């Protein structure tokens, strides 16, 4: 498999929250890089085109867009 990421992702296991339209959905952040992350959701659901990922333990908040998804795992790109 050819690696297409601009920055290497590092494995993590952190609780996060996806926020959009005044709704908060818990997620588990599985890996991260400076440019994006992969998260696991409790159940497959439709996400909007853009949303916010927050990781409270790291005091991190990033605007995101979905790049790929596979059932309950979603690949995110951080947007400026």
C-alpha atoms as a PDB file:
ATOM      1  CA  UNK A   1       0.000   0.000   0.000  1.00  0.00           C
ATOM      2  CA  UNK A   2       1.341   3.435  -0.928  1.00  0.00           C
ATOM      3  CA  UNK A   3       1.317   6.000   1.872  1.00  0.00           C
ATOM      4  CA  UNK A   4      -0.486   9.178   0.747  1.00  0.00           C
ATOM      5  CA  UNK A   5      -0.366  11.161   3.982  1.00  0.00           C
ATOM      6  CA  UNK A   6       1.788  14.274   4.156  1.00  0.00           C
ATOM      7  CA  UNK A   7       2.558  13.683   7.867  1.00  0.00           C
ATOM      8  CA  UNK A   8       2.991  10.405   9.745  1.00  0.00           C
ATOM      9  CA  UNK A   9       0.138   9.528  12.097  1.00  0.00           C
ATOM     10  CA  UNK A  10       0.788   8.388  15.645  1.00  0.00           C
ATOM     11  CA  UNK A  11      -1.382   5.833  17.440  1.00  0.00           C
ATOM     12  CA  UNK A  12      -3.405   7.236  20.321  1.00  0.00           C
ATOM     13  CA  UNK A  13      -6.423   6.203  22.357  1.00  0.00           C
ATOM     14  CA  UNK A  14      -8.208   9.347  23.513  1.00  0.00           C
ATOM     15  CA  UNK A  15     -11.782  10.343  24.093  1.00  0.00           C
ATOM     16  CA  UNK A  16     -13.055  13.091  21.836  1.00  0.00           C
ATOM     17  CA  UNK A  17     -16.234  14.869  20.840  1.00  0.00           C
ATOM     18  CA  UNK A  18     -17.511  15.733  17.376  1.00  0.00           C
ATOM     19  CA  UNK A  19     -19.605  18.892  17.422  1.00  0.00           C
ATOM     20  CA  UNK A  20     -21.973  20.217  14.752  1.00  0.00           C
ATOM     21  CA  UNK A  21     -25.361  21.929  14.772  1.00  0.00           C
ATOM     22  CA  UNK A  22     -25.256  22.244  18.594  1.00  0.00           C
ATOM     23  CA  UNK A  23     -24.898  18.444  18.954  1.00  0.00           C
ATOM     24  CA  UNK A  24     -22.007  16.621  20.624  1.00  0.00           C
ATOM     25  CA  UNK A  25     -21.202  13.041  19.639  1.00  0.00           C
ATOM     26  CA  UNK A  26     -18.568  11.084  21.592  1.00  0.00           C
ATOM     27  CA  UNK A  27     -15.789   9.380  19.639  1.00  0.00           C
ATOM     28  CA  UNK A  28     -12.478   7.640  20.231  1.00  0.00           C
ATOM     29  CA  UNK A  29      -9.425   9.118  18.521  1.00  0.00           C
ATOM     30  CA  UNK A  30      -7.292   6.206  17.266  1.00  0.00           C
ATOM     31  CA  UNK A  31      -4.449   8.020  15.492  1.00  0.00           C
ATOM     32  CA  UNK A  32      -3.404  11.595  14.785  1.00  0.00           C
ATOM     33  CA  UNK A  33      -1.000  13.734  12.806  1.00  0.00           C
ATOM     34  CA  UNK A  34      -0.610  17.453  12.291  1.00  0.00           C
ATOM     35  CA  UNK A  35      -2.985  17.201   9.321  1.00  0.00           C
ATOM     36  CA  UNK A  36      -5.708  14.820  10.498  1.00  0.00           C
ATOM     37  CA  UNK A  37      -6.921  11.917  12.571  1.00  0.00           C
ATOM     38  CA  UNK A  38      -8.844   8.655  12.494  1.00  0.00           C
ATOM     39  CA  UNK A  39     -11.746   8.276  14.907  1.00  0.00           C
ATOM     40  CA  UNK A  40     -14.114   5.497  15.917  1.00  0.00           C
ATOM     41  CA  UNK A  41     -17.810   6.191  16.480  1.00  0.00           C
ATOM     42  CA  UNK A  42     -20.130   4.090  18.648  1.00  0.00           C
ATOM     43  CA  UNK A  43     -22.463   3.585  15.671  1.00  0.00           C
ATOM     44  CA  UNK A  44     -22.342   4.428  11.968  1.00  0.00           C
ATOM     45  CA  UNK A  45     -23.874   7.841  11.366  1.00  0.00           C
ATOM     46  CA  UNK A  46     -23.959  10.506   8.703  1.00  0.00           C
ATOM     47  CA  UNK A  47     -21.678  13.428   9.414  1.00  0.00           C
ATOM     48  CA  UNK A  48     -21.980  16.885   7.891  1.00  0.00           C
ATOM     49  CA  UNK A  49     -19.396  18.148   5.400  1.00  0.00           C
ATOM     50  CA  UNK A  50     -17.534  20.017   8.154  1.00  0.00           C
ATOM     51  CA  UNK A  51     -17.543  19.761  11.945  1.00  0.00           C
ATOM     52  CA  UNK A  52     -15.345  20.267  15.007  1.00  0.00           C
ATOM     53  CA  UNK A  53     -13.256  17.637  16.815  1.00  0.00           C
ATOM     54  CA  UNK A  54     -12.443  18.387  20.471  1.00  0.00           C
ATOM     55  CA  UNK A  55     -10.065  16.410  22.682  1.00  0.00           C
ATOM     56  CA  UNK A  56     -10.496  17.788  26.198  1.00  0.00           C
ATOM     57  CA  UNK A  57      -7.454  16.081  27.774  1.00  0.00           C
ATOM     58  CA  UNK A  58      -5.180  17.827  25.224  1.00  0.00           C
ATOM     59  CA  UNK A  59      -7.174  21.093  25.163  1.00  0.00           C
ATOM     60  CA  UNK A  60      -7.369  20.574  21.376  1.00  0.00           C
ATOM     61  CA  UNK A  61     -10.111  21.863  19.075  1.00  0.00           C
ATOM     62  CA  UNK A  62      -9.848  21.428  15.285  1.00  0.00           C
ATOM     63  CA  UNK A  63     -12.202  22.088  12.379  1.00  0.00           C
ATOM     64  CA  UNK A  64     -12.433  18.928  10.255  1.00  0.00           C
ATOM     65  CA  UNK A  65     -13.798  17.362   7.118  1.00  0.00           C
ATOM     66  CA  UNK A  66     -14.311  13.677   6.373  1.00  0.00           C
ATOM     67  CA  UNK A  67     -11.758  12.162   3.988  1.00  0.00           C
ATOM     68  CA  UNK A  68     -12.802   8.483   4.170  1.00  0.00           C
ATOM     69  CA  UNK A  69     -14.975   6.189   6.250  1.00  0.00           C
ATOM     70  CA  UNK A  70     -15.328   2.486   6.890  1.00  0.00           C
ATOM     71  CA  UNK A  71     -18.366   1.497   8.962  1.00  0.00           C
ATOM     72  CA  UNK A  72     -17.683   3.141  12.350  1.00  0.00           C
ATOM     73  CA  UNK A  73     -14.146   4.428  11.614  1.00  0.00           C
ATOM     74  CA  UNK A  74     -13.757   7.844   9.986  1.00  0.00           C
ATOM     75  CA  UNK A  75     -10.634   9.520   8.579  1.00  0.00           C
ATOM     76  CA  UNK A  76     -10.510  13.260   9.139  1.00  0.00           C
ATOM     77  CA  UNK A  77      -8.494  16.092   7.643  1.00  0.00           C
ATOM     78  CA  UNK A  78      -7.977  19.197   9.739  1.00  0.00           C
ATOM     79  CA  UNK A  79      -8.941  22.395   7.907  1.00  0.00           C
ATOM     80  CA  UNK A  80      -7.760  25.933   8.575  1.00  0.00           C
END
